[in-house]
Amino acid sequence: MFQISQNNFTVAETLNRIKQKIDRSISDTSVRRLTALSNLLDELSFHKVLLFNVAFDEYVAQVPSVANSRIKRGAKVQFRDFIVSRDGIPVVIVNTQKNER
């Protein structure tokens, strides 16, 4: 099973859109979330493939509100839904029997 992002922009276009959103944002939490998303996209551009848990952990390390979530599984579902949304990043999540990639 796999999920394809609803984001139809290139990596460069997505990074530019994220930067524009960061520049317009007045919320510190939003800036952290968007910066973490931008960093994750940079990481994926370099490595091409990341285990889902690794991508989630890297994102969470930069967004304290997610890291402090009591329900980690719920936070992972929200993260997954966010990155494959139209406002997310151009990515494909492949769910193998043991890991999502």
PDB file of N, CA and C in Angstrom:
ATOM      1  N   MET A   1       0.837  -1.175   0.000  1.00  0.00           N
ATOM      2  CA  MET A   1       0.000   0.000   0.000  1.00  0.00           C
ATOM      3  C   MET A   1       0.888   1.246   0.000  1.00  0.00           C
ATOM      4  N   PHE A   2       0.429   2.289  -0.649  1.00  0.00           N
ATOM      5  CA  PHE A   2       1.169   3.532  -0.647  1.00  0.00           C
ATOM      6  C   PHE A   2       0.227   4.719  -0.708  1.00  0.00           C
ATOM      7  N   GLN A   3       0.746   5.860  -0.300  1.00  0.00           N
ATOM      8  CA  GLN A   3      -0.005   7.111  -0.345  1.00  0.00           C
ATOM      9  C   GLN A   3       0.812   8.109  -1.139  1.00  0.00           C
ATOM     10  N   ILE A   4       0.168   8.786  -2.075  1.00  0.00           N
ATOM     11  CA  ILE A   4       0.831   9.802  -2.876  1.00  0.00           C
ATOM     12  C   ILE A   4       0.366  11.166  -2.391  1.00  0.00           C
ATOM     13  N   SER A   5       1.314  12.060  -2.227  1.00  0.00           N
ATOM     14  CA  SER A   5       1.012  13.410  -1.770  1.00  0.00           C
ATOM     15  C   SER A   5       0.071  14.117  -2.736  1.00  0.00           C
ATOM     16  N   GLN A   6      -0.769  14.961  -2.201  1.00  0.00           N
ATOM     17  CA  GLN A   6      -1.650  15.798  -3.008  1.00  0.00           C
ATOM     18  C   GLN A   6      -0.930  17.056  -3.485  1.00  0.00           C
ATOM     19  N   ASN A   7       0.308  17.242  -3.032  1.00  0.00           N
ATOM     20  CA  ASN A   7       1.120  18.383  -3.446  1.00  0.00           C
ATOM     21  C   ASN A   7       1.674  18.087  -4.833  1.00  0.00           C
ATOM     22  N   ASN A   8       1.272  18.892  -5.810  1.00  0.00           N
ATOM     23  CA  ASN A   8       1.696  18.670  -7.191  1.00  0.00           C
ATOM     24  C   ASN A   8       2.822  19.599  -7.625  1.00  0.00           C
ATOM     25  N   PHE A   9       3.492  20.233  -6.681  1.00  0.00           N
ATOM     26  CA  PHE A   9       4.569  21.158  -6.991  1.00  0.00           C
ATOM     27  C   PHE A   9       5.909  20.437  -6.950  1.00  0.00           C
ATOM     28  N   THR A  10       6.907  21.014  -7.615  1.00  0.00           N
ATOM     29  CA  THR A  10       8.261  20.460  -7.544  1.00  0.00           C
ATOM     30  C   THR A  10       8.837  20.745  -6.164  1.00  0.00           C
ATOM     31  N   VAL A  11       9.985  20.137  -5.888  1.00  0.00           N
ATOM     32  CA  VAL A  11      10.660  20.387  -4.611  1.00  0.00           C
ATOM     33  C   VAL A  11      10.992  21.870  -4.477  1.00  0.00           C
ATOM     34  N   ALA A  12      11.554  22.470  -5.531  1.00  0.00           N
ATOM     35  CA  ALA A  12      11.923  23.895  -5.489  1.00  0.00           C
ATOM     36  C   ALA A  12      10.699  24.778  -5.271  1.00  0.00           C
ATOM     37  N   GLU A  13       9.616  24.479  -5.961  1.00  0.00           N
ATOM     38  CA  GLU A  13       8.388  25.265  -5.794  1.00  0.00           C
ATOM     39  C   GLU A  13       7.835  25.104  -4.376  1.00  0.00           C
ATOM     40  N   THR A  14       7.882  23.893  -3.865  1.00  0.00           N
ATOM     41  CA  THR A  14       7.382  23.640  -2.510  1.00  0.00           C
ATOM     42  C   THR A  14       8.222  24.382  -1.479  1.00  0.00           C
ATOM     43  N   LEU A  15       9.549  24.318  -1.627  1.00  0.00           N
ATOM     44  CA  LEU A  15      10.421  25.048  -0.699  1.00  0.00           C
ATOM     45  C   LEU A  15      10.151  26.547  -0.754  1.00  0.00           C
ATOM     46  N   ASN A  16       9.926  27.076  -1.939  1.00  0.00           N
ATOM     47  CA  ASN A  16       9.606  28.494  -2.088  1.00  0.00           C
ATOM     48  C   ASN A  16       8.274  28.837  -1.421  1.00  0.00           C
ATOM     49  N   ARG A  17       7.279  27.991  -1.603  1.00  0.00           N
ATOM     50  CA  ARG A  17       5.974  28.223  -0.964  1.00  0.00           C
ATOM     51  C   ARG A  17       6.092  28.182   0.564  1.00  0.00           C
ATOM     52  N   ILE A  18       6.867  27.224   1.068  1.00  0.00           N
ATOM     53  CA  ILE A  18       7.058  27.125   2.521  1.00  0.00           C
ATOM     54  C   ILE A  18       7.752  28.377   3.044  1.00  0.00           C
ATOM     55  N   LYS A  19       8.791  28.836   2.330  1.00  0.00           N
ATOM     56  CA  LYS A  19       9.503  30.045   2.743  1.00  0.00           C
ATOM     57  C   LYS A  19       8.566  31.247   2.768  1.00  0.00           C
ATOM     58  N   GLN A  20       7.709  31.377   1.777  1.00  0.00           N
ATOM     59  CA  GLN A  20       6.743  32.471   1.747  1.00  0.00           C
ATOM     60  C   GLN A  20       5.793  32.397   2.937  1.00  0.00           C
ATOM     61  N   LYS A  21       5.354  31.196   3.273  1.00  0.00           N
ATOM     62  CA  LYS A  21       4.467  31.025   4.430  1.00  0.00           C
ATOM     63  C   LYS A  21       5.187  31.379   5.727  1.00  0.00           C
ATOM     64  N   ILE A  22       6.463  31.006   5.834  1.00  0.00           N
ATOM     65  CA  ILE A  22       7.246  31.352   7.027  1.00  0.00           C
ATOM     66  C   ILE A  22       7.353  32.867   7.150  1.00  0.00           C
ATOM     67  N   ASP A  23       7.637  33.537   6.033  1.00  0.00           N
ATOM     68  CA  ASP A  23       7.774  34.999   6.036  1.00  0.00           C
ATOM     69  C   ASP A  23       6.481  35.702   6.442  1.00  0.00           C
ATOM     70  N   ARG A  24       5.337  35.118   6.108  1.00  0.00           N
ATOM     71  CA  ARG A  24       4.038  35.727   6.433  1.00  0.00           C
ATOM     72  C   ARG A  24       3.512  35.334   7.809  1.00  0.00           C
ATOM     73  N   SER A  25       4.071  34.285   8.378  1.00  0.00           N
ATOM     74  CA  SER A  25       3.538  33.745   9.629  1.00  0.00           C
ATOM     75  C   SER A  25       3.875  34.638  10.823  1.00  0.00           C
ATOM     76  N   ILE A  26       2.916  34.740  11.726  1.00  0.00           N
ATOM     77  CA  ILE A  26       3.157  35.482  12.970  1.00  0.00           C
ATOM     78  C   ILE A  26       3.218  34.544  14.176  1.00  0.00           C
ATOM     79  N   SER A  27       2.931  33.290  13.956  1.00  0.00           N
ATOM     80  CA  SER A  27       2.926  32.300  15.023  1.00  0.00           C
ATOM     81  C   SER A  27       4.261  31.570  15.087  1.00  0.00           C
ATOM     82  N   ASP A  28       4.867  31.553  16.276  1.00  0.00           N
ATOM     83  CA  ASP A  28       6.126  30.852  16.466  1.00  0.00           C
ATOM     84  C   ASP A  28       5.960  29.352  16.202  1.00  0.00           C
ATOM     85  N   THR A  29       4.858  28.791  16.621  1.00  0.00           N
ATOM     86  CA  THR A  29       4.592  27.369  16.398  1.00  0.00           C
ATOM     87  C   THR A  29       4.496  27.069  14.911  1.00  0.00           C
ATOM     88  N   SER A  30       3.820  27.927  14.178  1.00  0.00           N
ATOM     89  CA  SER A  30       3.690  27.744  12.741  1.00  0.00           C
ATOM     90  C   SER A  30       5.041  27.849  12.048  1.00  0.00           C
ATOM     91  N   VAL A  31       5.855  28.790  12.466  1.00  0.00           N
ATOM     92  CA  VAL A  31       7.194  28.940  11.890  1.00  0.00           C
ATOM     93  C   VAL A  31       8.020  27.691  12.151  1.00  0.00           C
ATOM     94  N   ARG A  32       7.958  27.158  13.360  1.00  0.00           N
ATOM     95  CA  ARG A  32       8.695  25.920  13.685  1.00  0.00           C
ATOM     96  C   ARG A  32       8.226  24.752  12.837  1.00  0.00           C
ATOM     97  N   ARG A  33       6.915  24.629  12.712  1.00  0.00           N
ATOM     98  CA  ARG A  33       6.329  23.532  11.936  1.00  0.00           C
ATOM     99  C   ARG A  33       6.749  23.630  10.468  1.00  0.00           C
ATOM    100  N   LEU A  34       6.660  24.825   9.915  1.00  0.00           N
ATOM    101  CA  LEU A  34       7.030  25.015   8.510  1.00  0.00           C
ATOM    102  C   LEU A  34       8.530  24.852   8.282  1.00  0.00           C
ATOM    103  N   THR A  35       9.338  25.330   9.213  1.00  0.00           N
ATOM    104  CA  THR A  35      10.792  25.162   9.109  1.00  0.00           C
ATOM    105  C   THR A  35      11.157  23.682   9.167  1.00  0.00           C
ATOM    106  N   ALA A  36      10.505  22.953  10.058  1.00  0.00           N
ATOM    107  CA  ALA A  36      10.755  21.514  10.166  1.00  0.00           C
ATOM    108  C   ALA A  36      10.349  20.801   8.874  1.00  0.00           C
ATOM    109  N   LEU A  37       9.247  21.231   8.283  1.00  0.00           N
ATOM    110  CA  LEU A  37       8.791  20.649   7.021  1.00  0.00           C
ATOM    111  C   LEU A  37       9.805  20.934   5.907  1.00  0.00           C
ATOM    112  N   SER A  38      10.306  22.144   5.856  1.00  0.00           N
ATOM    113  CA  SER A  38      11.317  22.517   4.873  1.00  0.00           C
ATOM    114  C   SER A  38      12.586  21.696   5.062  1.00  0.00           C
ATOM    115  N   ASN A  39      13.016  21.541   6.303  1.00  0.00           N
ATOM    116  CA  ASN A  39      14.208  20.734   6.595  1.00  0.00           C
ATOM    117  C   ASN A  39      14.009  19.279   6.201  1.00  0.00           C
ATOM    118  N   LEU A  40      12.806  18.764   6.444  1.00  0.00           N
ATOM    119  CA  LEU A  40      12.500  17.383   6.073  1.00  0.00           C
ATOM    120  C   LEU A  40      12.562  17.218   4.554  1.00  0.00           C
ATOM    121  N   LEU A  41      12.036  18.180   3.827  1.00  0.00           N
ATOM    122  CA  LEU A  41      12.081  18.113   2.370  1.00  0.00           C
ATOM    123  C   LEU A  41      13.529  18.167   1.872  1.00  0.00           C
ATOM    124  N   ASP A  42      14.350  19.002   2.488  1.00  0.00           N
ATOM    125  CA  ASP A  42      15.779  19.039   2.144  1.00  0.00           C
ATOM    126  C   ASP A  42      16.424  17.671   2.383  1.00  0.00           C
ATOM    127  N   GLU A  43      16.098  17.080   3.515  1.00  0.00           N
ATOM    128  CA  GLU A  43      16.648  15.764   3.873  1.00  0.00           C
ATOM    129  C   GLU A  43      16.224  14.696   2.861  1.00  0.00           C
ATOM    130  N   LEU A  44      14.951  14.725   2.483  1.00  0.00           N
ATOM    131  CA  LEU A  44      14.455  13.765   1.499  1.00  0.00           C
ATOM    132  C   LEU A  44      15.073  13.998   0.126  1.00  0.00           C
ATOM    133  N   SER A  45      15.327  15.244  -0.206  1.00  0.00           N
ATOM    134  CA  SER A  45      15.966  15.550  -1.486  1.00  0.00           C
ATOM    135  C   SER A  45      17.362  14.959  -1.538  1.00  0.00           C
ATOM    136  N   PHE A  46      18.032  14.942  -0.407  1.00  0.00           N
ATOM    137  CA  PHE A  46      19.384  14.411  -0.337  1.00  0.00           C
ATOM    138  C   PHE A  46      19.394  12.886  -0.316  1.00  0.00           C
ATOM    139  N   HIS A  47      18.575  12.297   0.553  1.00  0.00           N
ATOM    140  CA  HIS A  47      18.598  10.841   0.748  1.00  0.00           C
ATOM    141  C   HIS A  47      17.670  10.081  -0.190  1.00  0.00           C
ATOM    142  N   LYS A  48      16.667  10.733  -0.710  1.00  0.00           N
ATOM    143  CA  LYS A  48      15.652  10.142  -1.599  1.00  0.00           C
ATOM    144  C   LYS A  48      14.666   9.234  -0.876  1.00  0.00           C
ATOM    145  N   VAL A  49      15.132   8.487   0.128  1.00  0.00           N
ATOM    146  CA  VAL A  49      14.255   7.581   0.875  1.00  0.00           C
ATOM    147  C   VAL A  49      14.584   7.694   2.356  1.00  0.00           C
ATOM    148  N   LEU A  50      13.551   7.818   3.165  1.00  0.00           N
ATOM    149  CA  LEU A  50      13.698   7.805   4.624  1.00  0.00           C
ATOM    150  C   LEU A  50      12.631   6.895   5.193  1.00  0.00           C
ATOM    151  N   LEU A  51      12.976   6.156   6.218  1.00  0.00           N
ATOM    152  CA  LEU A  51      11.942   5.424   6.938  1.00  0.00           C
ATOM    153  C   LEU A  51      10.989   6.440   7.540  1.00  0.00           C
ATOM    154  N   PHE A  52       9.710   6.104   7.557  1.00  0.00           N
ATOM    155  CA  PHE A  52       8.703   7.021   8.081  1.00  0.00           C
ATOM    156  C   PHE A  52       9.028   7.433   9.512  1.00  0.00           C
ATOM    157  N   ASN A  53       9.412   6.467  10.346  1.00  0.00           N
ATOM    158  CA  ASN A  53       9.711   6.767  11.751  1.00  0.00           C
ATOM    159  C   ASN A  53      10.892   7.728  11.885  1.00  0.00           C
ATOM    160  N   VAL A  54      11.875   7.611  11.005  1.00  0.00           N
ATOM    161  CA  VAL A  54      13.019   8.524  11.024  1.00  0.00           C
ATOM    162  C   VAL A  54      12.564   9.925  10.633  1.00  0.00           C
ATOM    163  N   ALA A  55      11.767  10.016   9.571  1.00  0.00           N
ATOM    164  CA  ALA A  55      11.247  11.318   9.140  1.00  0.00           C
ATOM    165  C   ALA A  55      10.397  11.952  10.247  1.00  0.00           C
ATOM    166  N   PHE A  56       9.554  11.145  10.874  1.00  0.00           N
ATOM    167  CA  PHE A  56       8.714  11.647  11.963  1.00  0.00           C
ATOM    168  C   PHE A  56       9.571  12.138  13.130  1.00  0.00           C
ATOM    169  N   ASP A  57      10.564  11.347  13.519  1.00  0.00           N
ATOM    170  CA  ASP A  57      11.426  11.729  14.643  1.00  0.00           C
ATOM    171  C   ASP A  57      12.199  13.015  14.361  1.00  0.00           C
ATOM    172  N   GLU A  58      12.660  13.179  13.132  1.00  0.00           N
ATOM    173  CA  GLU A  58      13.375  14.411  12.779  1.00  0.00           C
ATOM    174  C   GLU A  58      12.446  15.616  12.818  1.00  0.00           C
ATOM    175  N   TYR A  59      11.216  15.433  12.355  1.00  0.00           N
ATOM    176  CA  TYR A  59      10.223  16.506  12.387  1.00  0.00           C
ATOM    177  C   TYR A  59       9.880  16.865  13.838  1.00  0.00           C
ATOM    178  N   VAL A  60       9.612  15.852  14.637  1.00  0.00           N
ATOM    179  CA  VAL A  60       9.221  16.038  16.035  1.00  0.00           C
ATOM    180  C   VAL A  60      10.322  16.733  16.838  1.00  0.00           C
ATOM    181  N   ALA A  61      11.559  16.441  16.531  1.00  0.00           N
ATOM    182  CA  ALA A  61      12.675  17.060  17.254  1.00  0.00           C
ATOM    183  C   ALA A  61      12.676  18.579  17.089  1.00  0.00           C
ATOM    184  N   GLN A  62      12.058  19.065  16.020  1.00  0.00           N
ATOM    185  CA  GLN A  62      12.037  20.503  15.750  1.00  0.00           C
ATOM    186  C   GLN A  62      10.717  21.167  16.128  1.00  0.00           C
ATOM    187  N   VAL A  63       9.715  20.367  16.445  1.00  0.00           N
ATOM    188  CA  VAL A  63       8.392  20.912  16.769  1.00  0.00           C
ATOM    189  C   VAL A  63       7.982  20.400  18.149  1.00  0.00           C
ATOM    190  N   PRO A  64       8.312  21.156  19.199  1.00  0.00           N
ATOM    191  CA  PRO A  64       8.071  20.685  20.568  1.00  0.00           C
ATOM    192  C   PRO A  64       6.617  20.307  20.862  1.00  0.00           C
ATOM    193  N   SER A  65       5.664  20.994  20.265  1.00  0.00           N
ATOM    194  CA  SER A  65       4.266  20.674  20.561  1.00  0.00           C
ATOM    195  C   SER A  65       3.911  19.268  20.109  1.00  0.00           C
ATOM    196  N   VAL A  66       4.509  18.795  19.037  1.00  0.00           N
ATOM    197  CA  VAL A  66       4.278  17.424  18.582  1.00  0.00           C
ATOM    198  C   VAL A  66       5.043  16.454  19.476  1.00  0.00           C
ATOM    199  N   ALA A  67       6.258  16.827  19.831  1.00  0.00           N
ATOM    200  CA  ALA A  67       7.086  15.960  20.685  1.00  0.00           C
ATOM    201  C   ALA A  67       6.437  15.731  22.041  1.00  0.00           C
ATOM    202  N   ASN A  68       5.690  16.709  22.537  1.00  0.00           N
ATOM    203  CA  ASN A  68       5.054  16.597  23.843  1.00  0.00           C
ATOM    204  C   ASN A  68       3.690  15.928  23.794  1.00  0.00           C
ATOM    205  N   SER A  69       3.280  15.492  22.609  1.00  0.00           N
ATOM    206  CA  SER A  69       1.982  14.844  22.470  1.00  0.00           C
ATOM    207  C   SER A  69       1.943  13.573  23.300  1.00  0.00           C
ATOM    208  N   ARG A  70       0.867  13.391  24.025  1.00  0.00           N
ATOM    209  CA  ARG A  70       0.721  12.198  24.865  1.00  0.00           C
ATOM    210  C   ARG A  70       0.450  10.954  24.030  1.00  0.00           C
ATOM    211  N   ILE A  71      -0.201  11.142  22.910  1.00  0.00           N
ATOM    212  CA  ILE A  71      -0.587  10.011  22.075  1.00  0.00           C
ATOM    213  C   ILE A  71       0.295  10.011  20.830  1.00  0.00           C
ATOM    214  N   LYS A  72       1.390   9.276  20.897  1.00  0.00           N
ATOM    215  CA  LYS A  72       2.366   9.292  19.807  1.00  0.00           C
ATOM    216  C   LYS A  72       1.777   8.747  18.505  1.00  0.00           C
ATOM    217  N   ARG A  73       0.963   7.708  18.598  1.00  0.00           N
ATOM    218  CA  ARG A  73       0.366   7.155  17.378  1.00  0.00           C
ATOM    219  C   ARG A  73      -0.513   8.190  16.697  1.00  0.00           C
ATOM    220  N   GLY A  74      -1.293   8.928  17.462  1.00  0.00           N
ATOM    221  CA  GLY A  74      -2.127   9.979  16.894  1.00  0.00           C
ATOM    222  C   GLY A  74      -1.296  11.075  16.251  1.00  0.00           C
ATOM    223  N   ALA A  75      -0.173  11.394  16.867  1.00  0.00           N
ATOM    224  CA  ALA A  75       0.734  12.405  16.315  1.00  0.00           C
ATOM    225  C   ALA A  75       1.326  11.916  14.991  1.00  0.00           C
ATOM    226  N   LYS A  76       1.627  10.621  14.902  1.00  0.00           N
ATOM    227  CA  LYS A  76       2.161  10.070  13.656  1.00  0.00           C
ATOM    228  C   LYS A  76       1.124  10.113  12.540  1.00  0.00           C
ATOM    229  N   VAL A  77      -0.107   9.826  12.877  1.00  0.00           N
ATOM    230  CA  VAL A  77      -1.184   9.874  11.885  1.00  0.00           C
ATOM    231  C   VAL A  77      -1.365  11.313  11.395  1.00  0.00           C
ATOM    232  N   GLN A  78      -1.355  12.267  12.312  1.00  0.00           N
ATOM    233  CA  GLN A  78      -1.485  13.676  11.922  1.00  0.00           C
ATOM    234  C   GLN A  78      -0.308  14.106  11.052  1.00  0.00           C
ATOM    235  N   PHE A  79       0.897  13.674  11.412  1.00  0.00           N
ATOM    236  CA  PHE A  79       2.081  13.986  10.623  1.00  0.00           C
ATOM    237  C   PHE A  79       1.945  13.413   9.215  1.00  0.00           C
ATOM    238  N   ARG A  80       1.568  12.156   9.130  1.00  0.00           N
ATOM    239  CA  ARG A  80       1.390  11.515   7.816  1.00  0.00           C
ATOM    240  C   ARG A  80       0.361  12.260   6.980  1.00  0.00           C
ATOM    241  N   ASP A  81      -0.779  12.563   7.588  1.00  0.00           N
ATOM    242  CA  ASP A  81      -1.823  13.274   6.863  1.00  0.00           C
ATOM    243  C   ASP A  81      -1.355  14.656   6.420  1.00  0.00           C
ATOM    244  N   PHE A  82      -0.553  15.315   7.265  1.00  0.00           N
ATOM    245  CA  PHE A  82      -0.037  16.646   6.943  1.00  0.00           C
ATOM    246  C   PHE A  82       0.938  16.601   5.763  1.00  0.00           C
ATOM    247  N   ILE A  83       1.887  15.664   5.778  1.00  0.00           N
ATOM    248  CA  ILE A  83       2.892  15.672   4.709  1.00  0.00           C
ATOM    249  C   ILE A  83       2.320  15.242   3.361  1.00  0.00           C
ATOM    250  N   VAL A  84       1.245  14.480   3.326  1.00  0.00           N
ATOM    251  CA  VAL A  84       0.651  14.094   2.044  1.00  0.00           C
ATOM    252  C   VAL A  84      -0.474  15.023   1.616  1.00  0.00           C
ATOM    253  N   SER A  85      -0.760  16.046   2.428  1.00  0.00           N
ATOM    254  CA  SER A  85      -1.806  17.006   2.069  1.00  0.00           C
ATOM    255  C   SER A  85      -1.309  17.953   0.976  1.00  0.00           C
ATOM    256  N   ARG A  86      -2.196  18.723   0.410  1.00  0.00           N
ATOM    257  CA  ARG A  86      -1.826  19.714  -0.620  1.00  0.00           C
ATOM    258  C   ARG A  86      -0.802  20.707  -0.084  1.00  0.00           C
ATOM    259  N   ASP A  87      -0.866  21.025   1.206  1.00  0.00           N
ATOM    260  CA  ASP A  87       0.098  21.942   1.818  1.00  0.00           C
ATOM    261  C   ASP A  87       1.340  21.231   2.339  1.00  0.00           C
ATOM    262  N   GLY A  88       1.424  19.942   2.104  1.00  0.00           N
ATOM    263  CA  GLY A  88       2.565  19.154   2.567  1.00  0.00           C
ATOM    264  C   GLY A  88       3.723  19.212   1.592  1.00  0.00           C
ATOM    265  N   ILE A  89       4.365  18.078   1.401  1.00  0.00           N
ATOM    266  CA  ILE A  89       5.530  18.005   0.523  1.00  0.00           C
ATOM    267  C   ILE A  89       5.296  16.947  -0.550  1.00  0.00           C
ATOM    268  N   PRO A  90       5.977  17.071  -1.702  1.00  0.00           N
ATOM    269  CA  PRO A  90       5.809  16.058  -2.746  1.00  0.00           C
ATOM    270  C   PRO A  90       6.525  14.769  -2.326  1.00  0.00           C
ATOM    271  N   VAL A  91       5.739  13.806  -1.902  1.00  0.00           N
ATOM    272  CA  VAL A  91       6.296  12.585  -1.319  1.00  0.00           C
ATOM    273  C   VAL A  91       5.356  11.414  -1.594  1.00  0.00           C
ATOM    274  N   VAL A  92       5.932  10.226  -1.575  1.00  0.00           N
ATOM    275  CA  VAL A  92       5.151   8.998  -1.636  1.00  0.00           C
ATOM    276  C   VAL A  92       5.504   8.200  -0.390  1.00  0.00           C
ATOM    277  N   ILE A  93       4.496   7.758   0.328  1.00  0.00           N
ATOM    278  CA  ILE A  93       4.718   6.910   1.501  1.00  0.00           C
ATOM    279  C   ILE A  93       4.387   5.483   1.101  1.00  0.00           C
ATOM    280  N   VAL A  94       5.387   4.627   1.220  1.00  0.00           N
ATOM    281  CA  VAL A  94       5.218   3.216   0.880  1.00  0.00           C
ATOM    282  C   VAL A  94       5.150   2.454   2.189  1.00  0.00           C
ATOM    283  N   ASN A  95       4.079   1.714   2.363  1.00  0.00           N
ATOM    284  CA  ASN A  95       3.883   0.940   3.582  1.00  0.00           C
ATOM    285  C   ASN A  95       4.230  -0.517   3.291  1.00  0.00           C
ATOM    286  N   THR A  96       5.382  -0.942   3.818  1.00  0.00           N
ATOM    287  CA  THR A  96       5.742  -2.347   3.704  1.00  0.00           C
ATOM    288  C   THR A  96       5.140  -3.065   4.899  1.00  0.00           C
ATOM    289  N   GLN A  97       5.363  -4.345   5.014  1.00  0.00           N
ATOM    290  CA  GLN A  97       4.781  -5.088   6.131  1.00  0.00           C
ATOM    291  C   GLN A  97       5.312  -4.613   7.473  1.00  0.00           C
ATOM    292  N   LYS A  98       6.564  -4.150   7.506  1.00  0.00           N
ATOM    293  CA  LYS A  98       7.143  -3.759   8.778  1.00  0.00           C
ATOM    294  C   LYS A  98       7.339  -2.250   8.923  1.00  0.00           C
ATOM    295  N   ASN A  99       7.587  -1.549   7.824  1.00  0.00           N
ATOM    296  CA  ASN A  99       7.924  -0.119   7.917  1.00  0.00           C
ATOM    297  C   ASN A  99       7.247   0.670   6.812  1.00  0.00           C
ATOM    298  N   GLU A 100       7.018   1.933   7.120  1.00  0.00           N
ATOM    299  CA  GLU A 100       6.595   2.874   6.087  1.00  0.00           C
ATOM    300  C   GLU A 100       7.848   3.589   5.633  1.00  0.00           C
ATOM    301  N   ARG A 101       7.965   3.830   4.347  1.00  0.00           N
ATOM    302  CA  ARG A 101       9.137   4.509   3.756  1.00  0.00           C
ATOM    303  C   ARG A 101       8.677   5.703   2.954  1.00  0.00           C
TER     304      ARG A 101
END
